[in-house]
Amino acid sequence: MIEVWVHGMCEPINPGGSMVCTSIIKKDGESLRRISEFWPPHEWMRAGSGTAALPSANLAVYHALVNALGFLFALNLRDEPTVIHANKMVYNQMFGTWTISQGHYAALANECRNILRTWKNVRGEMVAIQQNAEAAQLSLETLIKNGVQPRDWSKKGEADAARNHRV
């Protein structure tokens, strides 16, 4: 069984801050790949990302997912993956009934949806952020390692922290 755990964050402001795009790929419970990419806003905007989108947490999740799915293709891992994350919008746009609107993430979201359609039985699973703690912690470590201090969500309350995908 292939599990693709993804997490994205954008700090210290969302949108417009530095993005971290994290994915952890496991096969039968064993880690095959752990990657967490850091994108300062100016780098993302000129990286040839295929979009002039303003960096955001949603965009980070989509970027992490596209990269993870590309990794599965590169290794010819054709097992039906389960995509696991804590982002309600991404889950509902990829596996539910929500449409992809004109948001700054739309180009990457459409690319992601097209890639997901290449599998017959790909599954999506939305979990509480605490269940995605491994990917969220890797994102946070990457952010701090690159000199970006995340906002202090303890003053905003648990609902805001959950919306920002923080553990």
C-alpha atoms as a PDB file:
ATOM      1  CA  MET A   1       0.000   0.000   0.000  1.00  0.00           C
ATOM      2  CA  ILE A   2       1.316   3.420  -0.983  1.00  0.00           C
ATOM      3  CA  GLU A   3       0.584   6.408   1.243  1.00  0.00           C
ATOM      4  CA  VAL A   4       1.336   9.961   0.156  1.00  0.00           C
ATOM      5  CA  TRP A   5       1.322  12.329   3.139  1.00  0.00           C
ATOM      6  CA  VAL A   6       1.397  16.005   2.127  1.00  0.00           C
ATOM      7  CA  HIS A   7       1.603  19.260   4.021  1.00  0.00           C
ATOM      8  CA  GLY A   8       2.052  22.869   3.021  1.00  0.00           C
ATOM      9  CA  MET A   9       2.505  26.130   4.854  1.00  0.00           C
ATOM     10  CA  CYS A  10       3.141  29.771   4.054  1.00  0.00           C
ATOM     11  CA  GLU A  11       4.716  31.997   6.697  1.00  0.00           C
ATOM     12  CA  PRO A  12       4.956  34.546   8.208  1.00  0.00           C
ATOM     13  CA  ILE A  13       2.024  35.750   6.091  1.00  0.00           C
ATOM     14  CA  ASN A  14      -0.442  33.748   4.047  1.00  0.00           C
ATOM     15  CA  PRO A  15      -0.631  34.449   1.164  1.00  0.00           C
ATOM     16  CA  GLY A  16       2.612  36.111   0.177  1.00  0.00           C
ATOM     17  CA  GLY A  17       5.087  34.570   2.588  1.00  0.00           C
ATOM     18  CA  SER A  18       7.647  31.810   2.209  1.00  0.00           C
ATOM     19  CA  MET A  19       6.195  28.428   1.265  1.00  0.00           C
ATOM     20  CA  VAL A  20       7.178  25.005   2.501  1.00  0.00           C
ATOM     21  CA  CYS A  21       5.972  22.049   0.420  1.00  0.00           C
ATOM     22  CA  THR A  22       6.353  18.703   2.196  1.00  0.00           C
ATOM     23  CA  SER A  23       5.609  15.152   1.149  1.00  0.00           C
ATOM     24  CA  ILE A  24       6.317  11.824   2.771  1.00  0.00           C
ATOM     25  CA  ILE A  25       5.804   8.699   0.692  1.00  0.00           C
ATOM     26  CA  LYS A  26       5.441   5.348   2.419  1.00  0.00           C
ATOM     27  CA  LYS A  27       5.059   1.874   1.006  1.00  0.00           C
ATOM     28  CA  ASP A  28       3.697  -0.718   3.397  1.00  0.00           C
ATOM     29  CA  GLY A  29       4.481   1.646   6.285  1.00  0.00           C
ATOM     30  CA  GLU A  30       8.138   2.158   5.339  1.00  0.00           C
ATOM     31  CA  SER A  31       9.344   5.614   4.250  1.00  0.00           C
ATOM     32  CA  LEU A  32      10.500   5.756   0.639  1.00  0.00           C
ATOM     33  CA  ARG A  33      10.923   9.523   0.441  1.00  0.00           C
ATOM     34  CA  ARG A  34      10.747  12.530   2.757  1.00  0.00           C
ATOM     35  CA  ILE A  35      11.134  15.896   1.114  1.00  0.00           C
ATOM     36  CA  SER A  36      10.417  19.397   2.274  1.00  0.00           C
ATOM     37  CA  GLU A  37      11.065  22.242  -0.177  1.00  0.00           C
ATOM     38  CA  PHE A  38      11.491  25.845   0.881  1.00  0.00           C
ATOM     39  CA  TRP A  39      10.369  28.614  -1.496  1.00  0.00           C
ATOM     40  CA  PRO A  40      10.938  32.272  -0.592  1.00  0.00           C
ATOM     41  CA  PRO A  41       8.279  34.440  -2.288  1.00  0.00           C
ATOM     42  CA  HIS A  42      10.648  35.978  -4.843  1.00  0.00           C
ATOM     43  CA  GLU A  43      12.037  32.548  -5.815  1.00  0.00           C
ATOM     44  CA  TRP A  44       8.591  31.030  -6.322  1.00  0.00           C
ATOM     45  CA  MET A  45       7.459  33.913  -8.510  1.00  0.00           C
ATOM     46  CA  ARG A  46      10.388  33.505 -10.933  1.00  0.00           C
ATOM     47  CA  ALA A  47      11.007  29.755 -10.710  1.00  0.00           C
ATOM     48  CA  GLY A  48       9.172  28.854 -13.868  1.00  0.00           C
ATOM     49  CA  SER A  49       6.566  27.192 -11.710  1.00  0.00           C
ATOM     50  CA  GLY A  50       4.056  27.486 -14.527  1.00  0.00           C
ATOM     51  CA  THR A  51       2.141  30.088 -12.598  1.00  0.00           C
ATOM     52  CA  ALA A  52       2.641  33.633 -11.432  1.00  0.00           C
ATOM     53  CA  ALA A  53       0.646  32.738  -8.335  1.00  0.00           C
ATOM     54  CA  LEU A  54       1.232  34.412  -5.025  1.00  0.00           C
ATOM     55  CA  PRO A  55       2.689  31.863  -2.563  1.00  0.00           C
ATOM     56  CA  SER A  56       0.073  30.420  -0.188  1.00  0.00           C
ATOM     57  CA  ALA A  57      -0.526  27.423   2.052  1.00  0.00           C
ATOM     58  CA  ASN A  58      -2.980  25.924  -0.451  1.00  0.00           C
ATOM     59  CA  LEU A  59      -0.505  26.349  -3.287  1.00  0.00           C
ATOM     60  CA  ALA A  60       2.157  24.667  -1.129  1.00  0.00           C
ATOM     61  CA  VAL A  61      -0.053  21.598  -0.590  1.00  0.00           C
ATOM     62  CA  TYR A  62      -0.743  21.313  -4.322  1.00  0.00           C
ATOM     63  CA  HIS A  63       2.954  21.690  -5.170  1.00  0.00           C
ATOM     64  CA  ALA A  64       3.894  19.010  -2.626  1.00  0.00           C
ATOM     65  CA  LEU A  65       1.278  16.659  -4.080  1.00  0.00           C
ATOM     66  CA  VAL A  66       2.325  17.194  -7.707  1.00  0.00           C
ATOM     67  CA  ASN A  67       5.962  16.487  -6.759  1.00  0.00           C
ATOM     68  CA  ALA A  68       5.043  13.363  -4.797  1.00  0.00           C
ATOM     69  CA  LEU A  69       2.947  11.969  -7.641  1.00  0.00           C
ATOM     70  CA  GLY A  70       5.782  12.699 -10.075  1.00  0.00           C
ATOM     71  CA  PHE A  71       8.101  10.693  -7.824  1.00  0.00           C
ATOM     72  CA  LEU A  72       5.707   7.714  -7.951  1.00  0.00           C
ATOM     73  CA  PHE A  73       5.686   7.882 -11.755  1.00  0.00           C
ATOM     74  CA  ALA A  74       9.483   8.177 -11.954  1.00  0.00           C
ATOM     75  CA  LEU A  75       9.887   4.983  -9.927  1.00  0.00           C
ATOM     76  CA  ASN A  76       7.063   3.299 -11.821  1.00  0.00           C
ATOM     77  CA  LEU A  77       5.164   2.742  -8.579  1.00  0.00           C
ATOM     78  CA  ARG A  78       1.767   2.041 -10.053  1.00  0.00           C
ATOM     79  CA  ASP A  79       0.111   0.822  -6.846  1.00  0.00           C
ATOM     80  CA  GLU A  80      -3.028   2.815  -6.140  1.00  0.00           C
ATOM     81  CA  PRO A  81      -1.931   5.546  -3.713  1.00  0.00           C
ATOM     82  CA  THR A  82      -3.827   6.980  -0.790  1.00  0.00           C
ATOM     83  CA  VAL A  83      -3.268  10.733  -0.500  1.00  0.00           C
ATOM     84  CA  ILE A  84      -3.437  11.890   3.115  1.00  0.00           C
ATOM     85  CA  HIS A  85      -3.498  15.499   4.315  1.00  0.00           C
ATOM     86  CA  ALA A  86      -5.312  17.959   6.559  1.00  0.00           C
ATOM     87  CA  ASN A  87      -6.396  20.558   3.990  1.00  0.00           C
ATOM     88  CA  LYS A  88     -10.182  20.623   3.546  1.00  0.00           C
ATOM     89  CA  MET A  89     -10.135  22.633   0.322  1.00  0.00           C
ATOM     90  CA  VAL A  90      -7.562  20.404  -1.390  1.00  0.00           C
ATOM     91  CA  TYR A  91      -9.387  17.264  -0.282  1.00  0.00           C
ATOM     92  CA  ASN A  92     -12.747  18.454  -1.580  1.00  0.00           C
ATOM     93  CA  GLN A  93     -11.317  19.748  -4.864  1.00  0.00           C
ATOM     94  CA  MET A  94      -9.393  16.552  -5.562  1.00  0.00           C
ATOM     95  CA  PHE A  95     -11.716  13.889  -4.132  1.00  0.00           C
ATOM     96  CA  GLY A  96     -15.034  15.589  -3.398  1.00  0.00           C
ATOM     97  CA  THR A  97     -17.410  17.831  -5.232  1.00  0.00           C
ATOM     98  CA  TRP A  98     -15.816  21.269  -4.917  1.00  0.00           C
ATOM     99  CA  THR A  99     -14.884  23.041  -8.113  1.00  0.00           C
ATOM    100  CA  ILE A 100     -11.531  24.668  -8.721  1.00  0.00           C
ATOM    101  CA  SER A 101     -12.209  28.373  -8.960  1.00  0.00           C
ATOM    102  CA  GLN A 102     -10.044  31.203 -10.234  1.00  0.00           C
ATOM    103  CA  GLY A 103      -7.838  31.273  -7.140  1.00  0.00           C
ATOM    104  CA  HIS A 104      -4.084  31.760  -7.419  1.00  0.00           C
ATOM    105  CA  TYR A 105      -3.702  28.009  -6.906  1.00  0.00           C
ATOM    106  CA  ALA A 106      -6.013  27.051  -9.839  1.00  0.00           C
ATOM    107  CA  ALA A 107      -3.366  26.128 -12.454  1.00  0.00           C
ATOM    108  CA  LEU A 108      -1.525  23.805 -10.062  1.00  0.00           C
ATOM    109  CA  ALA A 109      -4.805  22.357  -8.736  1.00  0.00           C
ATOM    110  CA  ASN A 110      -5.916  21.479 -12.268  1.00  0.00           C
ATOM    111  CA  GLU A 111      -2.528  19.897 -12.996  1.00  0.00           C
ATOM    112  CA  CYS A 112      -2.815  17.869  -9.815  1.00  0.00           C
ATOM    113  CA  ARG A 113      -6.332  16.693 -10.634  1.00  0.00           C
ATOM    114  CA  ASN A 114      -5.203  15.579 -14.108  1.00  0.00           C
ATOM    115  CA  ILE A 115      -2.308  13.597 -12.637  1.00  0.00           C
ATOM    116  CA  LEU A 116      -4.596  11.933 -10.086  1.00  0.00           C
ATOM    117  CA  ARG A 117      -6.888  10.788 -12.896  1.00  0.00           C
ATOM    118  CA  THR A 118      -4.113   8.586 -14.293  1.00  0.00           C
ATOM    119  CA  TRP A 119      -4.751   6.120 -11.464  1.00  0.00           C
ATOM    120  CA  LYS A 120      -7.913   4.046 -11.484  1.00  0.00           C
ATOM    121  CA  ASN A 121      -8.495   3.907  -7.751  1.00  0.00           C
ATOM    122  CA  VAL A 122      -6.541   6.679  -6.070  1.00  0.00           C
ATOM    123  CA  ARG A 123      -8.042   7.513  -2.686  1.00  0.00           C
ATOM    124  CA  GLY A 124      -8.021  10.669  -0.663  1.00  0.00           C
ATOM    125  CA  GLU A 125      -8.129  10.822   3.101  1.00  0.00           C
ATOM    126  CA  MET A 126      -8.511  14.008   5.095  1.00  0.00           C
ATOM    127  CA  VAL A 127      -7.178  13.742   8.628  1.00  0.00           C
ATOM    128  CA  ALA A 128      -6.847  16.003  11.629  1.00  0.00           C
ATOM    129  CA  ILE A 129      -3.542  17.870  11.658  1.00  0.00           C
ATOM    130  CA  GLN A 130      -2.422  15.816  14.665  1.00  0.00           C
ATOM    131  CA  GLN A 131      -2.548  12.697  12.477  1.00  0.00           C
ATOM    132  CA  ASN A 132      -0.364  14.440   9.885  1.00  0.00           C
ATOM    133  CA  ALA A 133       2.151  15.498  12.531  1.00  0.00           C
ATOM    134  CA  GLU A 134       5.183  13.913  10.831  1.00  0.00           C
ATOM    135  CA  ALA A 135       4.752  15.975   7.653  1.00  0.00           C
ATOM    136  CA  ALA A 136       3.716  19.104   9.575  1.00  0.00           C
ATOM    137  CA  GLN A 137       6.787  18.859  11.811  1.00  0.00           C
ATOM    138  CA  LEU A 138       9.076  18.424   8.798  1.00  0.00           C
ATOM    139  CA  SER A 139       7.508  21.550   7.244  1.00  0.00           C
ATOM    140  CA  LEU A 140       8.033  23.544  10.424  1.00  0.00           C
ATOM    141  CA  GLU A 141      11.674  22.410  10.749  1.00  0.00           C
ATOM    142  CA  THR A 142      12.330  23.399   7.123  1.00  0.00           C
ATOM    143  CA  LEU A 143      10.810  26.822   7.653  1.00  0.00           C
ATOM    144  CA  ILE A 144      12.874  27.526  10.770  1.00  0.00           C
ATOM    145  CA  LYS A 145      16.064  26.113   9.210  1.00  0.00           C
ATOM    146  CA  ASN A 146      15.647  28.702   6.455  1.00  0.00           C
ATOM    147  CA  GLY A 147      15.352  31.571   8.907  1.00  0.00           C
ATOM    148  CA  VAL A 148      11.606  32.185   8.786  1.00  0.00           C
ATOM    149  CA  GLN A 149       9.859  32.429  12.124  1.00  0.00           C
ATOM    150  CA  PRO A 150       6.278  31.208  11.963  1.00  0.00           C
ATOM    151  CA  ARG A 151       3.501  33.238  13.493  1.00  0.00           C
ATOM    152  CA  ASP A 152       2.580  32.499  17.102  1.00  0.00           C
ATOM    153  CA  TRP A 153      -0.727  30.730  16.664  1.00  0.00           C
ATOM    154  CA  SER A 154      -1.175  30.088  20.394  1.00  0.00           C
ATOM    155  CA  LYS A 155      -2.728  33.542  20.733  1.00  0.00           C
ATOM    156  CA  LYS A 156      -5.161  32.995  17.867  1.00  0.00           C
ATOM    157  CA  GLY A 157      -6.741  29.810  19.147  1.00  0.00           C
ATOM    158  CA  GLU A 158      -6.988  26.256  17.966  1.00  0.00           C
ATOM    159  CA  ALA A 159      -9.354  26.950  15.040  1.00  0.00           C
ATOM    160  CA  ASP A 160      -6.944  29.386  13.405  1.00  0.00           C
ATOM    161  CA  ALA A 161      -4.008  27.043  14.008  1.00  0.00           C
ATOM    162  CA  ALA A 162      -5.871  24.174  12.393  1.00  0.00           C
ATOM    163  CA  ARG A 163      -6.695  26.321   9.368  1.00  0.00           C
ATOM    164  CA  ASN A 164      -3.004  27.080   8.985  1.00  0.00           C
ATOM    165  CA  HIS A 165      -2.078  23.383   9.235  1.00  0.00           C
ATOM    166  CA  ARG A 166       0.044  23.706  12.344  1.00  0.00           C
ATOM    167  CA  VAL A 167       0.568  21.092  15.020  1.00  0.00           C
END
